């Protein structure tokens, strides 16, 4: 089995305000008022979720990197 070196996450605008971040491979969801706050919360939540976990059992390599994709509203002309 090949272990993943990345954890994919998506940040999108929140329903009412701010931003929501969600990991694809692991059950981590967080939010923040700004992009910077959301990214910081995402890293903290991911670290807490993985703390003490058997990463290989989760299909992850040691010290995986979080790769973030943003979903933006379409531009209106």
C-alpha atoms as a PDB file:
ATOM      1  CA  UNK A   1       0.000   0.000   0.000  1.00  0.00           C
ATOM      2  CA  UNK A   2       1.325   3.431  -0.959  1.00  0.00           C
ATOM      3  CA  UNK A   3       1.020   6.053   1.771  1.00  0.00           C
ATOM      4  CA  UNK A   4      -0.209   9.557   0.952  1.00  0.00           C
ATOM      5  CA  UNK A   5       2.154  12.435   1.672  1.00  0.00           C
ATOM      6  CA  UNK A   6      -0.579  15.072   1.430  1.00  0.00           C
ATOM      7  CA  UNK A   7      -3.927  15.799   3.014  1.00  0.00           C
ATOM      8  CA  UNK A   8      -6.227  17.721   0.702  1.00  0.00           C
ATOM      9  CA  UNK A   9      -8.434  20.475   2.113  1.00  0.00           C
ATOM     10  CA  UNK A  10     -10.944  22.851   0.560  1.00  0.00           C
ATOM     11  CA  UNK A  11     -11.723  26.365   1.795  1.00  0.00           C
ATOM     12  CA  UNK A  12     -14.946  27.981   0.674  1.00  0.00           C
ATOM     13  CA  UNK A  13     -16.968  31.020   1.742  1.00  0.00           C
ATOM     14  CA  UNK A  14     -19.216  30.363   4.741  1.00  0.00           C
ATOM     15  CA  UNK A  15     -22.969  30.419   4.305  1.00  0.00           C
ATOM     16  CA  UNK A  16     -23.398  33.686   6.221  1.00  0.00           C
ATOM     17  CA  UNK A  17     -19.869  35.017   6.724  1.00  0.00           C
ATOM     18  CA  UNK A  18     -16.239  33.990   6.999  1.00  0.00           C
ATOM     19  CA  UNK A  19     -14.822  30.787   5.557  1.00  0.00           C
ATOM     20  CA  UNK A  20     -15.165  27.035   6.091  1.00  0.00           C
ATOM     21  CA  UNK A  21     -12.279  24.574   5.640  1.00  0.00           C
ATOM     22  CA  UNK A  22     -12.777  20.823   5.237  1.00  0.00           C
ATOM     23  CA  UNK A  23     -10.253  18.037   4.761  1.00  0.00           C
ATOM     24  CA  UNK A  24     -11.023  15.429   2.116  1.00  0.00           C
ATOM     25  CA  UNK A  25      -9.256  12.343   3.523  1.00  0.00           C
ATOM     26  CA  UNK A  26      -9.824  12.863   7.237  1.00  0.00           C
ATOM     27  CA  UNK A  27     -12.872  14.103   9.187  1.00  0.00           C
ATOM     28  CA  UNK A  28     -11.663  17.638   9.961  1.00  0.00           C
ATOM     29  CA  UNK A  29     -13.863  20.708   9.465  1.00  0.00           C
ATOM     30  CA  UNK A  30     -13.216  24.181  10.864  1.00  0.00           C
ATOM     31  CA  UNK A  31     -14.024  27.810  10.158  1.00  0.00           C
ATOM     32  CA  UNK A  32     -12.741  31.339  10.623  1.00  0.00           C
ATOM     33  CA  UNK A  33     -13.672  34.957  10.067  1.00  0.00           C
ATOM     34  CA  UNK A  34     -10.716  35.573   7.722  1.00  0.00           C
ATOM     35  CA  UNK A  35      -8.681  33.378   5.380  1.00  0.00           C
ATOM     36  CA  UNK A  36      -5.644  33.621   7.676  1.00  0.00           C
ATOM     37  CA  UNK A  37      -7.704  32.577  10.703  1.00  0.00           C
ATOM     38  CA  UNK A  38      -9.320  29.740   8.753  1.00  0.00           C
ATOM     39  CA  UNK A  39      -5.939  28.368   7.597  1.00  0.00           C
ATOM     40  CA  UNK A  40      -4.514  28.607  11.139  1.00  0.00           C
ATOM     41  CA  UNK A  41      -7.590  26.816  12.523  1.00  0.00           C
ATOM     42  CA  UNK A  42      -7.283  24.148   9.827  1.00  0.00           C
ATOM     43  CA  UNK A  43      -3.659  23.384  10.723  1.00  0.00           C
ATOM     44  CA  UNK A  44      -4.481  23.291  14.443  1.00  0.00           C
ATOM     45  CA  UNK A  45      -7.512  21.027  13.943  1.00  0.00           C
ATOM     46  CA  UNK A  46      -5.530  18.715  11.639  1.00  0.00           C
ATOM     47  CA  UNK A  47      -2.659  18.441  14.135  1.00  0.00           C
ATOM     48  CA  UNK A  48      -5.086  17.659  16.961  1.00  0.00           C
ATOM     49  CA  UNK A  49      -6.876  15.024  14.869  1.00  0.00           C
ATOM     50  CA  UNK A  50      -3.601  13.298  13.907  1.00  0.00           C
ATOM     51  CA  UNK A  51      -2.001  13.558  17.368  1.00  0.00           C
ATOM     52  CA  UNK A  52      -1.271  10.048  18.625  1.00  0.00           C
ATOM     53  CA  UNK A  53      -2.927   8.447  15.576  1.00  0.00           C
ATOM     54  CA  UNK A  54      -1.402   5.607  13.580  1.00  0.00           C
ATOM     55  CA  UNK A  55      -0.843   7.518  10.345  1.00  0.00           C
ATOM     56  CA  UNK A  56       0.013   4.408   8.332  1.00  0.00           C
ATOM     57  CA  UNK A  57      -3.291   2.862   9.389  1.00  0.00           C
ATOM     58  CA  UNK A  58      -4.993   5.999   8.029  1.00  0.00           C
ATOM     59  CA  UNK A  59      -3.075   5.632   4.753  1.00  0.00           C
ATOM     60  CA  UNK A  60      -0.837   8.630   5.505  1.00  0.00           C
ATOM     61  CA  UNK A  61       2.948   8.952   5.488  1.00  0.00           C
ATOM     62  CA  UNK A  62       4.735  10.507   8.467  1.00  0.00           C
ATOM     63  CA  UNK A  63       4.411  14.311   8.612  1.00  0.00           C
ATOM     64  CA  UNK A  64       1.934  14.779   5.737  1.00  0.00           C
ATOM     65  CA  UNK A  65       1.563  18.187   4.098  1.00  0.00           C
ATOM     66  CA  UNK A  66      -1.811  19.931   3.910  1.00  0.00           C
ATOM     67  CA  UNK A  67      -2.658  21.093   0.372  1.00  0.00           C
ATOM     68  CA  UNK A  68      -5.406  23.709   0.265  1.00  0.00           C
ATOM     69  CA  UNK A  69      -7.748  24.467  -2.634  1.00  0.00           C
ATOM     70  CA  UNK A  70     -10.075  27.455  -2.553  1.00  0.00           C
ATOM     71  CA  UNK A  71     -13.571  27.556  -3.976  1.00  0.00           C
ATOM     72  CA  UNK A  72     -14.439  31.113  -4.988  1.00  0.00           C
ATOM     73  CA  UNK A  73     -17.624  32.742  -6.140  1.00  0.00           C
ATOM     74  CA  UNK A  74     -17.724  33.350  -9.904  1.00  0.00           C
ATOM     75  CA  UNK A  75     -16.911  36.904 -10.968  1.00  0.00           C
ATOM     76  CA  UNK A  76     -19.832  38.927 -12.210  1.00  0.00           C
ATOM     77  CA  UNK A  77     -19.232  41.596 -14.841  1.00  0.00           C
END
